[in-house]
Amino acid sequence: MTNGTELLETYKKSHTDVDFVLTDFEMPLLDGISACSEIRKFEKDNDLPGKPLALITGNDAYNTRKLASSAGVNMFMVKPLGRADLAKSLMKLLSKVCTKVLVIDDDDV
């Protein structure tokens, strides 16, 4: 997806096929925090269970973290974030909502 509006509209149309959302904070048209807030509103308005939301950003300011938390973001990640750190963070998030998580490291494939 190329912008937050596209993320939100795609989620609304395909939420049953989505296990979690990973988004960047800075996106055109609708930033990641606003998109997450709108996703939470959509879930609430439609009596849907909340899917895990992860936000990645280069802005580690306290206020940004607070905004993300208020928007319903489950995991806040700060760039730069290496592949191993990203995988570890996502595993931590997904282990809270999944009974089984299969990880295939492309080094093993």
PDB file of N, CA and C in Angstrom:
ATOM      1  N   MET A   1       0.814  -1.170   0.000  1.00  0.00           N
ATOM      2  CA  MET A   1       0.000   0.000   0.000  1.00  0.00           C
ATOM      3  C   MET A   1       0.864   1.242   0.000  1.00  0.00           C
ATOM      4  N   THR A   2       0.350   2.273  -0.579  1.00  0.00           N
ATOM      5  CA  THR A   2       1.164   3.473  -0.733  1.00  0.00           C
ATOM      6  C   THR A   2       0.749   4.620   0.169  1.00  0.00           C
ATOM      7  N   ASN A   3      -0.411   4.506   0.837  1.00  0.00           N
ATOM      8  CA  ASN A   3      -0.836   5.580   1.731  1.00  0.00           C
ATOM      9  C   ASN A   3      -1.800   5.052   2.791  1.00  0.00           C
ATOM     10  N   GLY A   4      -2.036   5.868   3.813  1.00  0.00           N
ATOM     11  CA  GLY A   4      -2.878   5.451   4.921  1.00  0.00           C
ATOM     12  C   GLY A   4      -4.335   5.257   4.552  1.00  0.00           C
ATOM     13  N   THR A   5      -4.830   6.032   3.613  1.00  0.00           N
ATOM     14  CA  THR A   5      -6.216   5.881   3.174  1.00  0.00           C
ATOM     15  C   THR A   5      -6.409   4.527   2.505  1.00  0.00           C
ATOM     16  N   GLU A   6      -5.456   4.143   1.683  1.00  0.00           N
ATOM     17  CA  GLU A   6      -5.515   2.834   1.018  1.00  0.00           C
ATOM     18  C   GLU A   6      -5.454   1.704   2.056  1.00  0.00           C
ATOM     19  N   LEU A   7      -4.611   1.868   3.073  1.00  0.00           N
ATOM     20  CA  LEU A   7      -4.527   0.889   4.153  1.00  0.00           C
ATOM     21  C   LEU A   7      -5.892   0.724   4.827  1.00  0.00           C
ATOM     22  N   LEU A   8      -6.507   1.829   5.192  1.00  0.00           N
ATOM     23  CA  LEU A   8      -7.792   1.788   5.888  1.00  0.00           C
ATOM     24  C   LEU A   8      -8.873   1.155   5.024  1.00  0.00           C
ATOM     25  N   GLU A   9      -8.978   1.562   3.781  1.00  0.00           N
ATOM     26  CA  GLU A   9     -10.010   1.013   2.893  1.00  0.00           C
ATOM     27  C   GLU A   9      -9.790  -0.478   2.630  1.00  0.00           C
ATOM     28  N   THR A  10      -8.538  -0.880   2.484  1.00  0.00           N
ATOM     29  CA  THR A  10      -8.237  -2.292   2.281  1.00  0.00           C
ATOM     30  C   THR A  10      -8.612  -3.096   3.520  1.00  0.00           C
ATOM     31  N   TYR A  11      -8.299  -2.568   4.691  1.00  0.00           N
ATOM     32  CA  TYR A  11      -8.648  -3.260   5.928  1.00  0.00           C
ATOM     33  C   TYR A  11     -10.169  -3.410   6.041  1.00  0.00           C
ATOM     34  N   LYS A  12     -10.893  -2.359   5.755  1.00  0.00           N
ATOM     35  CA  LYS A  12     -12.355  -2.416   5.851  1.00  0.00           C
ATOM     36  C   LYS A  12     -12.938  -3.477   4.916  1.00  0.00           C
ATOM     37  N   LYS A  13     -12.389  -3.593   3.728  1.00  0.00           N
ATOM     38  CA  LYS A  13     -12.891  -4.566   2.751  1.00  0.00           C
ATOM     39  C   LYS A  13     -12.438  -5.985   3.052  1.00  0.00           C
ATOM     40  N   SER A  14     -11.259  -6.141   3.645  1.00  0.00           N
ATOM     41  CA  SER A  14     -10.642  -7.467   3.772  1.00  0.00           C
ATOM     42  C   SER A  14     -10.295  -7.844   5.204  1.00  0.00           C
ATOM     43  N   HIS A  15     -10.913  -7.224   6.205  1.00  0.00           N
ATOM     44  CA  HIS A  15     -10.502  -7.442   7.590  1.00  0.00           C
ATOM     45  C   HIS A  15     -10.553  -8.903   8.005  1.00  0.00           C
ATOM     46  N   THR A  16     -11.434  -9.695   7.416  1.00  0.00           N
ATOM     47  CA  THR A  16     -11.504 -11.106   7.796  1.00  0.00           C
ATOM     48  C   THR A  16     -10.275 -11.885   7.314  1.00  0.00           C
ATOM     49  N   ASP A  17      -9.578 -11.371   6.331  1.00  0.00           N
ATOM     50  CA  ASP A  17      -8.381 -12.028   5.802  1.00  0.00           C
ATOM     51  C   ASP A  17      -7.091 -11.494   6.425  1.00  0.00           C
ATOM     52  N   VAL A  18      -7.214 -10.544   7.345  1.00  0.00           N
ATOM     53  CA  VAL A  18      -6.050  -9.885   7.935  1.00  0.00           C
ATOM     54  C   VAL A  18      -5.804 -10.446   9.334  1.00  0.00           C
ATOM     55  N   ASP A  19      -4.554 -10.827   9.619  1.00  0.00           N
ATOM     56  CA  ASP A  19      -4.195 -11.312  10.953  1.00  0.00           C
ATOM     57  C   ASP A  19      -3.600 -10.208  11.820  1.00  0.00           C
ATOM     58  N   PHE A  20      -2.874  -9.302  11.201  1.00  0.00           N
ATOM     59  CA  PHE A  20      -2.331  -8.142  11.917  1.00  0.00           C
ATOM     60  C   PHE A  20      -1.979  -7.063  10.912  1.00  0.00           C
ATOM     61  N   VAL A  21      -1.783  -5.844  11.423  1.00  0.00           N
ATOM     62  CA  VAL A  21      -1.440  -4.710  10.564  1.00  0.00           C
ATOM     63  C   VAL A  21      -0.109  -4.142  11.024  1.00  0.00           C
ATOM     64  N   LEU A  22       0.789  -3.972  10.083  1.00  0.00           N
ATOM     65  CA  LEU A  22       2.071  -3.305  10.310  1.00  0.00           C
ATOM     66  C   LEU A  22       2.081  -2.084   9.415  1.00  0.00           C
ATOM     67  N   THR A  23       2.226  -0.912  10.013  1.00  0.00           N
ATOM     68  CA  THR A  23       2.196   0.312   9.233  1.00  0.00           C
ATOM     69  C   THR A  23       3.286   1.276   9.668  1.00  0.00           C
ATOM     70  N   ASP A  24       3.657   2.133   8.774  1.00  0.00           N
ATOM     71  CA  ASP A  24       4.600   3.203   9.072  1.00  0.00           C
ATOM     72  C   ASP A  24       3.816   4.388   9.632  1.00  0.00           C
ATOM     73  N   PHE A  25       4.462   5.197  10.439  1.00  0.00           N
ATOM     74  CA  PHE A  25       3.820   6.383  10.978  1.00  0.00           C
ATOM     75  C   PHE A  25       3.599   7.432   9.887  1.00  0.00           C
ATOM     76  N   GLU A  26       4.647   7.707   9.122  1.00  0.00           N
ATOM     77  CA  GLU A  26       4.553   8.760   8.112  1.00  0.00           C
ATOM     78  C   GLU A  26       4.155   8.180   6.764  1.00  0.00           C
ATOM     79  N   MET A  27       2.910   8.474   6.379  1.00  0.00           N
ATOM     80  CA  MET A  27       2.382   8.038   5.091  1.00  0.00           C
ATOM     81  C   MET A  27       1.574   9.190   4.501  1.00  0.00           C
ATOM     82  N   PRO A  28       1.477   9.236   3.184  1.00  0.00           N
ATOM     83  CA  PRO A  28       0.662  10.281   2.557  1.00  0.00           C
ATOM     84  C   PRO A  28      -0.828  10.086   2.855  1.00  0.00           C
ATOM     85  N   LEU A  29      -1.570  11.148   2.782  1.00  0.00           N
ATOM     86  CA  LEU A  29      -3.029  11.213   2.902  1.00  0.00           C
ATOM     87  C   LEU A  29      -3.560  10.947   4.302  1.00  0.00           C
ATOM     88  N   LEU A  30      -3.086   9.912   4.955  1.00  0.00           N
ATOM     89  CA  LEU A  30      -3.534   9.563   6.299  1.00  0.00           C
ATOM     90  C   LEU A  30      -2.358   8.901   7.003  1.00  0.00           C
ATOM     91  N   ASP A  31      -1.864   9.525   8.081  1.00  0.00           N
ATOM     92  CA  ASP A  31      -0.690   8.952   8.746  1.00  0.00           C
ATOM     93  C   ASP A  31      -1.051   7.657   9.462  1.00  0.00           C
ATOM     94  N   GLY A  32      -0.025   6.914   9.865  1.00  0.00           N
ATOM     95  CA  GLY A  32      -0.219   5.605  10.469  1.00  0.00           C
ATOM     96  C   GLY A  32      -1.023   5.632  11.753  1.00  0.00           C
ATOM     97  N   ILE A  33      -0.816   6.634  12.595  1.00  0.00           N
ATOM     98  CA  ILE A  33      -1.573   6.725  13.846  1.00  0.00           C
ATOM     99  C   ILE A  33      -3.042   6.980  13.553  1.00  0.00           C
ATOM    100  N   SER A  34      -3.325   7.864  12.626  1.00  0.00           N
ATOM    101  CA  SER A  34      -4.722   8.132  12.258  1.00  0.00           C
ATOM    102  C   SER A  34      -5.366   6.904  11.625  1.00  0.00           C
ATOM    103  N   ALA A  35      -4.619   6.189  10.794  1.00  0.00           N
ATOM    104  CA  ALA A  35      -5.143   4.974  10.172  1.00  0.00           C
ATOM    105  C   ALA A  35      -5.465   3.933  11.248  1.00  0.00           C
ATOM    106  N   CYS A  36      -4.573   3.769  12.232  1.00  0.00           N
ATOM    107  CA  CYS A  36      -4.819   2.813  13.320  1.00  0.00           C
ATOM    108  C   CYS A  36      -6.042   3.219  14.133  1.00  0.00           C
ATOM    109  N   SER A  37      -6.174   4.492  14.391  1.00  0.00           N
ATOM    110  CA  SER A  37      -7.338   4.990  15.128  1.00  0.00           C
ATOM    111  C   SER A  37      -8.635   4.699  14.371  1.00  0.00           C
ATOM    112  N   GLU A  38      -8.610   4.902  13.066  1.00  0.00           N
ATOM    113  CA  GLU A  38      -9.786   4.631  12.237  1.00  0.00           C
ATOM    114  C   GLU A  38     -10.083   3.128  12.155  1.00  0.00           C
ATOM    115  N   ILE A  39      -9.033   2.310  12.146  1.00  0.00           N
ATOM    116  CA  ILE A  39      -9.227   0.857  12.168  1.00  0.00           C
ATOM    117  C   ILE A  39      -9.925   0.457  13.466  1.00  0.00           C
ATOM    118  N   ARG A  40      -9.461   0.997  14.591  1.00  0.00           N
ATOM    119  CA  ARG A  40     -10.098   0.686  15.879  1.00  0.00           C
ATOM    120  C   ARG A  40     -11.557   1.149  15.901  1.00  0.00           C
ATOM    121  N   LYS A  41     -11.834   2.293  15.326  1.00  0.00           N
ATOM    122  CA  LYS A  41     -13.208   2.788  15.259  1.00  0.00           C
ATOM    123  C   LYS A  41     -14.070   1.844  14.412  1.00  0.00           C
ATOM    124  N   PHE A  42     -13.549   1.410  13.269  1.00  0.00           N
ATOM    125  CA  PHE A  42     -14.259   0.479  12.398  1.00  0.00           C
ATOM    126  C   PHE A  42     -14.547  -0.828  13.136  1.00  0.00           C
ATOM    127  N   GLU A  43     -13.549  -1.345  13.854  1.00  0.00           N
ATOM    128  CA  GLU A  43     -13.741  -2.587  14.602  1.00  0.00           C
ATOM    129  C   GLU A  43     -14.834  -2.412  15.663  1.00  0.00           C
ATOM    130  N   LYS A  44     -14.775  -1.315  16.385  1.00  0.00           N
ATOM    131  CA  LYS A  44     -15.763  -1.061  17.439  1.00  0.00           C
ATOM    132  C   LYS A  44     -17.164  -0.901  16.855  1.00  0.00           C
ATOM    133  N   ASP A  45     -17.283  -0.099  15.804  1.00  0.00           N
ATOM    134  CA  ASP A  45     -18.586   0.159  15.175  1.00  0.00           C
ATOM    135  C   ASP A  45     -19.219  -1.102  14.600  1.00  0.00           C
ATOM    136  N   ASN A  46     -18.394  -2.088  14.268  1.00  0.00           N
ATOM    137  CA  ASN A  46     -18.884  -3.320  13.659  1.00  0.00           C
ATOM    138  C   ASN A  46     -18.767  -4.530  14.590  1.00  0.00           C
ATOM    139  N   ASP A  47     -18.554  -4.278  15.874  1.00  0.00           N
ATOM    140  CA  ASP A  47     -18.432  -5.345  16.873  1.00  0.00           C
ATOM    141  C   ASP A  47     -17.431  -6.424  16.457  1.00  0.00           C
ATOM    142  N   LEU A  48     -16.283  -5.981  15.963  1.00  0.00           N
ATOM    143  CA  LEU A  48     -15.232  -6.899  15.520  1.00  0.00           C
ATOM    144  C   LEU A  48     -14.137  -6.977  16.577  1.00  0.00           C
ATOM    145  N   PRO A  49     -13.496  -8.133  16.693  1.00  0.00           N
ATOM    146  CA  PRO A  49     -12.353  -8.210  17.614  1.00  0.00           C
ATOM    147  C   PRO A  49     -11.205  -7.366  17.073  1.00  0.00           C
ATOM    148  N   GLY A  50     -10.456  -6.761  17.964  1.00  0.00           N
ATOM    149  CA  GLY A  50      -9.327  -5.934  17.548  1.00  0.00           C
ATOM    150  C   GLY A  50      -8.161  -6.780  17.066  1.00  0.00           C
ATOM    151  N   LYS A  51      -7.701  -6.491  15.869  1.00  0.00           N
ATOM    152  CA  LYS A  51      -6.515  -7.169  15.341  1.00  0.00           C
ATOM    153  C   LYS A  51      -5.276  -6.451  15.873  1.00  0.00           C
ATOM    154  N   PRO A  52      -4.166  -7.162  16.003  1.00  0.00           N
ATOM    155  CA  PRO A  52      -2.933  -6.523  16.452  1.00  0.00           C
ATOM    156  C   PRO A  52      -2.476  -5.451  15.456  1.00  0.00           C
ATOM    157  N   LEU A  53      -2.119  -4.287  15.994  1.00  0.00           N
ATOM    158  CA  LEU A  53      -1.622  -3.182  15.182  1.00  0.00           C
ATOM    159  C   LEU A  53      -0.207  -2.843  15.616  1.00  0.00           C
ATOM    160  N   ALA A  54       0.712  -2.821  14.676  1.00  0.00           N
ATOM    161  CA  ALA A  54       2.105  -2.453  14.944  1.00  0.00           C
ATOM    162  C   ALA A  54       2.444  -1.222  14.111  1.00  0.00           C
ATOM    163  N   LEU A  55       3.113  -0.282  14.746  1.00  0.00           N
ATOM    164  CA  LEU A  55       3.497   0.971  14.090  1.00  0.00           C
ATOM    165  C   LEU A  55       5.007   1.086  14.123  1.00  0.00           C
ATOM    166  N   ILE A  56       5.584   1.435  12.989  1.00  0.00           N
ATOM    167  CA  ILE A  56       7.029   1.632  12.901  1.00  0.00           C
ATOM    168  C   ILE A  56       7.286   3.089  12.524  1.00  0.00           C
ATOM    169  N   THR A  57       8.259   3.699  13.189  1.00  0.00           N
ATOM    170  CA  THR A  57       8.522   5.116  12.978  1.00  0.00           C
ATOM    171  C   THR A  57       9.972   5.458  13.306  1.00  0.00           C
ATOM    172  N   GLY A  58      10.418   6.567  12.799  1.00  0.00           N
ATOM    173  CA  GLY A  58      11.733   7.102  13.147  1.00  0.00           C
ATOM    174  C   GLY A  58      11.620   8.110  14.276  1.00  0.00           C
ATOM    175  N   ASN A  59      10.416   8.368  14.737  1.00  0.00           N
ATOM    176  CA  ASN A  59      10.158   9.377  15.763  1.00  0.00           C
ATOM    177  C   ASN A  59       9.909   8.700  17.105  1.00  0.00           C
ATOM    178  N   ASP A  60      10.900   8.745  17.977  1.00  0.00           N
ATOM    179  CA  ASP A  60      10.795   8.069  19.273  1.00  0.00           C
ATOM    180  C   ASP A  60      10.373   9.027  20.389  1.00  0.00           C
ATOM    181  N   ALA A  61       9.721  10.114  20.043  1.00  0.00           N
ATOM    182  CA  ALA A  61       9.299  11.092  21.049  1.00  0.00           C
ATOM    183  C   ALA A  61       8.190  10.521  21.930  1.00  0.00           C
ATOM    184  N   TYR A  62       8.184  10.921  23.188  1.00  0.00           N
ATOM    185  CA  TYR A  62       7.171  10.464  24.138  1.00  0.00           C
ATOM    186  C   TYR A  62       5.766  10.750  23.616  1.00  0.00           C
ATOM    187  N   ASN A  63       5.565  11.920  23.050  1.00  0.00           N
ATOM    188  CA  ASN A  63       4.243  12.297  22.548  1.00  0.00           C
ATOM    189  C   ASN A  63       3.782  11.377  21.414  1.00  0.00           C
ATOM    190  N   THR A  64       4.701  10.954  20.563  1.00  0.00           N
ATOM    191  CA  THR A  64       4.349  10.043  19.472  1.00  0.00           C
ATOM    192  C   THR A  64       3.930   8.688  20.034  1.00  0.00           C
ATOM    193  N   ARG A  65       4.653   8.207  21.033  1.00  0.00           N
ATOM    194  CA  ARG A  65       4.287   6.947  21.690  1.00  0.00           C
ATOM    195  C   ARG A  65       2.903   7.060  22.342  1.00  0.00           C
ATOM    196  N   LYS A  66       2.657   8.186  22.966  1.00  0.00           N
ATOM    197  CA  LYS A  66       1.371   8.409  23.636  1.00  0.00           C
ATOM    198  C   LYS A  66       0.231   8.442  22.620  1.00  0.00           C
ATOM    199  N   LEU A  67       0.444   9.123  21.493  1.00  0.00           N
ATOM    200  CA  LEU A  67      -0.561   9.165  20.425  1.00  0.00           C
ATOM    201  C   LEU A  67      -0.840   7.767  19.874  1.00  0.00           C
ATOM    202  N   ALA A  68       0.230   6.996  19.688  1.00  0.00           N
ATOM    203  CA  ALA A  68       0.076   5.637  19.166  1.00  0.00           C
ATOM    204  C   ALA A  68      -0.730   4.784  20.140  1.00  0.00           C
ATOM    205  N   SER A  69      -0.428   4.881  21.410  1.00  0.00           N
ATOM    206  CA  SER A  69      -1.153   4.122  22.419  1.00  0.00           C
ATOM    207  C   SER A  69      -2.633   4.521  22.437  1.00  0.00           C
ATOM    208  N   SER A  70      -2.900   5.804  22.359  1.00  0.00           N
ATOM    209  CA  SER A  70      -4.285   6.299  22.344  1.00  0.00           C
ATOM    210  C   SER A  70      -5.039   5.827  21.107  1.00  0.00           C
ATOM    211  N   ALA A  71      -4.319   5.584  20.019  1.00  0.00           N
ATOM    212  CA  ALA A  71      -4.938   5.126  18.768  1.00  0.00           C
ATOM    213  C   ALA A  71      -5.170   3.618  18.758  1.00  0.00           C
ATOM    214  N   GLY A  72      -4.730   2.918  19.809  1.00  0.00           N
ATOM    215  CA  GLY A  72      -4.932   1.477  19.877  1.00  0.00           C
ATOM    216  C   GLY A  72      -3.797   0.651  19.316  1.00  0.00           C
ATOM    217  N   VAL A  73      -2.643   1.269  19.114  1.00  0.00           N
ATOM    218  CA  VAL A  73      -1.480   0.545  18.598  1.00  0.00           C
ATOM    219  C   VAL A  73      -0.966  -0.408  19.681  1.00  0.00           C
ATOM    220  N   ASN A  74      -0.755  -1.658  19.306  1.00  0.00           N
ATOM    221  CA  ASN A  74      -0.284  -2.670  20.251  1.00  0.00           C
ATOM    222  C   ASN A  74       1.227  -2.711  20.380  1.00  0.00           C
ATOM    223  N   MET A  75       1.929  -2.350  19.306  1.00  0.00           N
ATOM    224  CA  MET A  75       3.386  -2.403  19.338  1.00  0.00           C
ATOM    225  C   MET A  75       3.952  -1.197  18.604  1.00  0.00           C
ATOM    226  N   PHE A  76       4.865  -0.512  19.262  1.00  0.00           N
ATOM    227  CA  PHE A  76       5.514   0.685  18.741  1.00  0.00           C
ATOM    228  C   PHE A  76       6.970   0.338  18.498  1.00  0.00           C
ATOM    229  N   MET A  77       7.424   0.453  17.252  1.00  0.00           N
ATOM    230  CA  MET A  77       8.800   0.106  16.906  1.00  0.00           C
ATOM    231  C   MET A  77       9.495   1.324  16.293  1.00  0.00           C
ATOM    232  N   VAL A  78      10.763   1.489  16.648  1.00  0.00           N
ATOM    233  CA  VAL A  78      11.523   2.660  16.195  1.00  0.00           C
ATOM    234  C   VAL A  78      12.592   2.250  15.197  1.00  0.00           C
ATOM    235  N   LYS A  79      12.641   2.983  14.069  1.00  0.00           N
ATOM    236  CA  LYS A  79      13.683   2.789  13.059  1.00  0.00           C
ATOM    237  C   LYS A  79      14.962   3.468  13.538  1.00  0.00           C
ATOM    238  N   PRO A  80      16.112   3.038  13.119  1.00  0.00           N
ATOM    239  CA  PRO A  80      16.305   1.889  12.247  1.00  0.00           C
ATOM    240  C   PRO A  80      16.074   0.597  13.021  1.00  0.00           C
ATOM    241  N   LEU A  81      15.507  -0.342  12.339  1.00  0.00           N
ATOM    242  CA  LEU A  81      15.159  -1.623  12.932  1.00  0.00           C
ATOM    243  C   LEU A  81      15.665  -2.706  12.003  1.00  0.00           C
ATOM    244  N   GLY A  82      16.614  -3.475  12.482  1.00  0.00           N
ATOM    245  CA  GLY A  82      17.166  -4.551  11.670  1.00  0.00           C
ATOM    246  C   GLY A  82      16.175  -5.690  11.509  1.00  0.00           C
ATOM    247  N   ARG A  83      16.447  -6.536  10.570  1.00  0.00           N
ATOM    248  CA  ARG A  83      15.562  -7.664  10.260  1.00  0.00           C
ATOM    249  C   ARG A  83      15.324  -8.556  11.475  1.00  0.00           C
ATOM    250  N   ALA A  84      16.375  -8.862  12.214  1.00  0.00           N
ATOM    251  CA  ALA A  84      16.245  -9.731  13.385  1.00  0.00           C
ATOM    252  C   ALA A  84      15.399  -9.069  14.466  1.00  0.00           C
ATOM    253  N   ASP A  85      15.612  -7.772  14.695  1.00  0.00           N
ATOM    254  CA  ASP A  85      14.819  -7.055  15.694  1.00  0.00           C
ATOM    255  C   ASP A  85      13.357  -6.956  15.277  1.00  0.00           C
ATOM    256  N   LEU A  86      13.115  -6.736  13.993  1.00  0.00           N
ATOM    257  CA  LEU A  86      11.749  -6.690  13.495  1.00  0.00           C
ATOM    258  C   LEU A  86      11.067  -8.035  13.707  1.00  0.00           C
ATOM    259  N   ALA A  87      11.748  -9.105  13.353  1.00  0.00           N
ATOM    260  CA  ALA A  87      11.180 -10.446  13.517  1.00  0.00           C
ATOM    261  C   ALA A  87      10.890 -10.736  14.985  1.00  0.00           C
ATOM    262  N   LYS A  88      11.810 -10.378  15.872  1.00  0.00           N
ATOM    263  CA  LYS A  88      11.624 -10.615  17.300  1.00  0.00           C
ATOM    264  C   LYS A  88      10.426  -9.816  17.825  1.00  0.00           C
ATOM    265  N   SER A  89      10.307  -8.578  17.413  1.00  0.00           N
ATOM    266  CA  SER A  89       9.189  -7.738  17.855  1.00  0.00           C
ATOM    267  C   SER A  89       7.856  -8.282  17.359  1.00  0.00           C
ATOM    268  N   LEU A  90       7.822  -8.687  16.101  1.00  0.00           N
ATOM    269  CA  LEU A  90       6.570  -9.217  15.547  1.00  0.00           C
ATOM    270  C   LEU A  90       6.200 -10.555  16.191  1.00  0.00           C
ATOM    271  N   MET A  91       7.189 -11.382  16.485  1.00  0.00           N
ATOM    272  CA  MET A  91       6.924 -12.652  17.169  1.00  0.00           C
ATOM    273  C   MET A  91       6.327 -12.392  18.547  1.00  0.00           C
ATOM    274  N   LYS A  92       6.852 -11.399  19.237  1.00  0.00           N
ATOM    275  CA  LYS A  92       6.329 -11.043  20.562  1.00  0.00           C
ATOM    276  C   LYS A  92       4.867 -10.610  20.452  1.00  0.00           C
ATOM    277  N   LEU A  93       4.565  -9.791  19.472  1.00  0.00           N
ATOM    278  CA  LEU A  93       3.194  -9.319  19.262  1.00  0.00           C
ATOM    279  C   LEU A  93       2.276 -10.476  18.878  1.00  0.00           C
ATOM    280  N   LEU A  94       2.695 -11.268  17.923  1.00  0.00           N
ATOM    281  CA  LEU A  94       1.843 -12.340  17.419  1.00  0.00           C
ATOM    282  C   LEU A  94       1.670 -13.472  18.423  1.00  0.00           C
ATOM    283  N   SER A  95       2.651 -13.686  19.284  1.00  0.00           N
ATOM    284  CA  SER A  95       2.525 -14.757  20.278  1.00  0.00           C
ATOM    285  C   SER A  95       1.399 -14.482  21.262  1.00  0.00           C
ATOM    286  N   LYS A  96       0.980 -13.239  21.371  1.00  0.00           N
ATOM    287  CA  LYS A  96      -0.119 -12.879  22.267  1.00  0.00           C
ATOM    288  C   LYS A  96      -1.479 -13.223  21.671  1.00  0.00           C
ATOM    289  N   VAL A  97      -1.542 -13.356  20.364  1.00  0.00           N
ATOM    290  CA  VAL A  97      -2.849 -13.564  19.717  1.00  0.00           C
ATOM    291  C   VAL A  97      -2.930 -14.846  18.905  1.00  0.00           C
ATOM    292  N   CYS A  98      -1.816 -15.521  18.728  1.00  0.00           N
ATOM    293  CA  CYS A  98      -1.795 -16.735  17.914  1.00  0.00           C
ATOM    294  C   CYS A  98      -1.418 -17.933  18.782  1.00  0.00           C
ATOM    295  N   THR A  99      -2.009 -19.063  18.485  1.00  0.00           N
ATOM    296  CA  THR A  99      -1.633 -20.273  19.202  1.00  0.00           C
ATOM    297  C   THR A  99      -0.418 -20.937  18.566  1.00  0.00           C
ATOM    298  N   LYS A 100      -0.244 -20.728  17.264  1.00  0.00           N
ATOM    299  CA  LYS A 100       0.919 -21.273  16.566  1.00  0.00           C
ATOM    300  C   LYS A 100       1.450 -20.230  15.587  1.00  0.00           C
ATOM    301  N   VAL A 101       2.748 -20.045  15.605  1.00  0.00           N
ATOM    302  CA  VAL A 101       3.399 -19.134  14.660  1.00  0.00           C
ATOM    303  C   VAL A 101       4.518 -19.917  13.987  1.00  0.00           C
ATOM    304  N   LEU A 102       4.482 -19.989  12.691  1.00  0.00           N
ATOM    305  CA  LEU A 102       5.523 -20.667  11.934  1.00  0.00           C
ATOM    306  C   LEU A 102       6.460 -19.619  11.343  1.00  0.00           C
ATOM    307  N   VAL A 103       7.726 -19.777  11.610  1.00  0.00           N
ATOM    308  CA  VAL A 103       8.717 -18.844  11.078  1.00  0.00           C
ATOM    309  C   VAL A 103       9.638 -19.624  10.166  1.00  0.00           C
ATOM    310  N   ILE A 104       9.772 -19.141   8.951  1.00  0.00           N
ATOM    311  CA  ILE A 104      10.696 -19.744   8.000  1.00  0.00           C
ATOM    312  C   ILE A 104      11.759 -18.699   7.702  1.00  0.00           C
ATOM    313  N   ASP A 105      12.972 -18.983   8.099  1.00  0.00           N
ATOM    314  CA  ASP A 105      14.068 -18.084   7.834  1.00  0.00           C
ATOM    315  C   ASP A 105      14.563 -18.369   6.432  1.00  0.00           C
ATOM    316  N   ASP A 106      14.645 -17.336   5.599  1.00  0.00           N
ATOM    317  CA  ASP A 106      15.042 -17.579   4.209  1.00  0.00           C
ATOM    318  C   ASP A 106      16.484 -18.079   4.088  1.00  0.00           C
ATOM    319  N   ASP A 107      17.258 -17.986   5.173  1.00  0.00           N
ATOM    320  CA  ASP A 107      18.594 -18.573   5.142  1.00  0.00           C
ATOM    321  C   ASP A 107      18.525 -20.092   5.138  1.00  0.00           C
ATOM    322  N   ASP A 108      17.387 -20.626   5.637  1.00  0.00           N
ATOM    323  CA  ASP A 108      17.201 -22.072   5.708  1.00  0.00           C
ATOM    324  C   ASP A 108      16.513 -22.636   4.455  1.00  0.00           C
ATOM    325  N   VAL A 109      16.014 -21.764   3.606  1.00  0.00           N
ATOM    326  CA  VAL A 109      15.269 -22.206   2.428  1.00  0.00           C
ATOM    327  C   VAL A 109      16.193 -22.370   1.253  1.00  0.00           C
TER     328      VAL A 109
END
